[in-house]
Amino acid sequence: MTIDDYRIEFGWSKSKLSEMAGIDMGTLKSAIDGNPVFRATAGKIVNAINQELQRRGQPTIRYTDLEGVKFAD
């Protein structure tokens, strides 16, 4: 699944996801658009996603599991 797939599934706005991940909204939009992001940034996004997955009792993911994410490092 993509970042946006998770975001939509959770009913989160981009603003909420960027806040939960502790990253700038522009950085989140860049990652969603397929622009390269640092692995640390992808990790922050995944940490936010995993918090919700755990809350729902679902298995967690790794940043390498996100579809469409390109890495700058």
C-alpha atoms as a PDB file:
ATOM      1  CA  MET A   1       0.000   0.000   0.000  1.00  0.00           C
ATOM      2  CA  THR A   2       1.050   3.589  -0.554  1.00  0.00           C
ATOM      3  CA  ILE A   3       1.290   6.301   2.088  1.00  0.00           C
ATOM      4  CA  ASP A   4      -1.955   7.764   0.761  1.00  0.00           C
ATOM      5  CA  ASP A   5      -3.671   4.350   0.883  1.00  0.00           C
ATOM      6  CA  TYR A   6      -2.941   4.119   4.605  1.00  0.00           C
ATOM      7  CA  ARG A   7      -3.850   7.753   5.195  1.00  0.00           C
ATOM      8  CA  ILE A   8      -7.220   7.352   3.491  1.00  0.00           C
ATOM      9  CA  GLU A   9      -7.912   4.011   5.196  1.00  0.00           C
ATOM     10  CA  PHE A  10      -7.326   5.645   8.569  1.00  0.00           C
ATOM     11  CA  GLY A  11      -9.466   8.680   7.714  1.00  0.00           C
ATOM     12  CA  TRP A  12      -6.518  11.001   8.277  1.00  0.00           C
ATOM     13  CA  SER A  13      -5.856  14.303   6.539  1.00  0.00           C
ATOM     14  CA  LYS A  14      -2.378  14.986   5.198  1.00  0.00           C
ATOM     15  CA  SER A  15      -2.035  17.510   7.990  1.00  0.00           C
ATOM     16  CA  LYS A  16      -2.828  14.883  10.631  1.00  0.00           C
ATOM     17  CA  LEU A  17      -0.358  12.380   9.179  1.00  0.00           C
ATOM     18  CA  SER A  18       2.418  14.970   8.945  1.00  0.00           C
ATOM     19  CA  GLU A  19       1.748  15.974  12.552  1.00  0.00           C
ATOM     20  CA  MET A  20       1.683  12.344  13.747  1.00  0.00           C
ATOM     21  CA  ALA A  21       4.944  11.670  11.880  1.00  0.00           C
ATOM     22  CA  GLY A  22       6.588  14.866  13.115  1.00  0.00           C
ATOM     23  CA  ILE A  23       7.437  16.047   9.624  1.00  0.00           C
ATOM     24  CA  ASP A  24       6.675  19.097   7.513  1.00  0.00           C
ATOM     25  CA  MET A  25       3.555  18.935   5.317  1.00  0.00           C
ATOM     26  CA  GLY A  26       5.668  19.709   2.239  1.00  0.00           C
ATOM     27  CA  THR A  27       7.913  16.743   2.989  1.00  0.00           C
ATOM     28  CA  LEU A  28       4.894  14.456   3.313  1.00  0.00           C
ATOM     29  CA  LYS A  29       3.433  15.724   0.031  1.00  0.00           C
ATOM     30  CA  SER A  30       6.794  15.167  -1.623  1.00  0.00           C
ATOM     31  CA  ALA A  31       6.909  11.558  -0.393  1.00  0.00           C
ATOM     32  CA  ILE A  32       3.327  10.943  -1.531  1.00  0.00           C
ATOM     33  CA  ASP A  33       4.141  12.409  -4.961  1.00  0.00           C
ATOM     34  CA  GLY A  34       7.023   9.941  -5.357  1.00  0.00           C
ATOM     35  CA  ASN A  35       9.869  12.394  -4.886  1.00  0.00           C
ATOM     36  CA  PRO A  36      12.915  10.984  -3.074  1.00  0.00           C
ATOM     37  CA  VAL A  37      12.909  11.278   0.718  1.00  0.00           C
ATOM     38  CA  PHE A  38      15.470  10.256   3.294  1.00  0.00           C
ATOM     39  CA  ARG A  39      15.005   6.820   4.865  1.00  0.00           C
ATOM     40  CA  ALA A  40      14.745   8.500   8.272  1.00  0.00           C
ATOM     41  CA  THR A  41      11.761  10.491   6.987  1.00  0.00           C
ATOM     42  CA  ALA A  42      10.111   7.357   5.597  1.00  0.00           C
ATOM     43  CA  GLY A  43      10.726   5.775   8.993  1.00  0.00           C
ATOM     44  CA  LYS A  44       8.882   8.606  10.737  1.00  0.00           C
ATOM     45  CA  ILE A  45       5.919   8.177   8.398  1.00  0.00           C
ATOM     46  CA  VAL A  46       5.895   4.426   9.027  1.00  0.00           C
ATOM     47  CA  ASN A  47       6.082   4.956  12.792  1.00  0.00           C
ATOM     48  CA  ALA A  48       2.884   7.017  12.606  1.00  0.00           C
ATOM     49  CA  ILE A  49       1.210   4.395  10.400  1.00  0.00           C
ATOM     50  CA  ASN A  50       2.341   1.600  12.725  1.00  0.00           C
ATOM     51  CA  GLN A  51       0.842   3.335  15.767  1.00  0.00           C
ATOM     52  CA  GLU A  52      -2.560   3.163  14.088  1.00  0.00           C
ATOM     53  CA  LEU A  53      -2.035  -0.386  12.809  1.00  0.00           C
ATOM     54  CA  GLN A  54      -1.148  -1.507  16.332  1.00  0.00           C
ATOM     55  CA  ARG A  55      -4.179   0.290  17.741  1.00  0.00           C
ATOM     56  CA  ARG A  56      -6.299  -1.709  15.268  1.00  0.00           C
ATOM     57  CA  GLY A  57      -4.552  -4.971  16.145  1.00  0.00           C
ATOM     58  CA  GLN A  58      -3.042  -5.307  12.666  1.00  0.00           C
ATOM     59  CA  PRO A  59       0.541  -6.271  11.769  1.00  0.00           C
ATOM     60  CA  THR A  60       3.035  -3.441  11.463  1.00  0.00           C
ATOM     61  CA  ILE A  61       5.099  -2.589   8.389  1.00  0.00           C
ATOM     62  CA  ARG A  62       8.635  -1.452   7.547  1.00  0.00           C
ATOM     63  CA  TYR A  63       9.464   1.641   5.513  1.00  0.00           C
ATOM     64  CA  THR A  64      10.560  -0.626   2.663  1.00  0.00           C
ATOM     65  CA  ASP A  65       6.982  -1.973   2.515  1.00  0.00           C
ATOM     66  CA  LEU A  66       5.576   1.401   1.394  1.00  0.00           C
ATOM     67  CA  GLU A  67       4.760   1.349  -2.308  1.00  0.00           C
ATOM     68  CA  GLY A  68       5.891   4.292  -4.422  1.00  0.00           C
ATOM     69  CA  VAL A  69       8.416   5.705  -1.954  1.00  0.00           C
ATOM     70  CA  LYS A  70      11.818   6.591  -3.416  1.00  0.00           C
ATOM     71  CA  PHE A  71      14.818   7.138  -1.221  1.00  0.00           C
ATOM     72  CA  ALA A  72      17.310   9.995  -1.399  1.00  0.00           C
ATOM     73  CA  ASP A  73      19.952   8.097   0.561  1.00  0.00           C
END
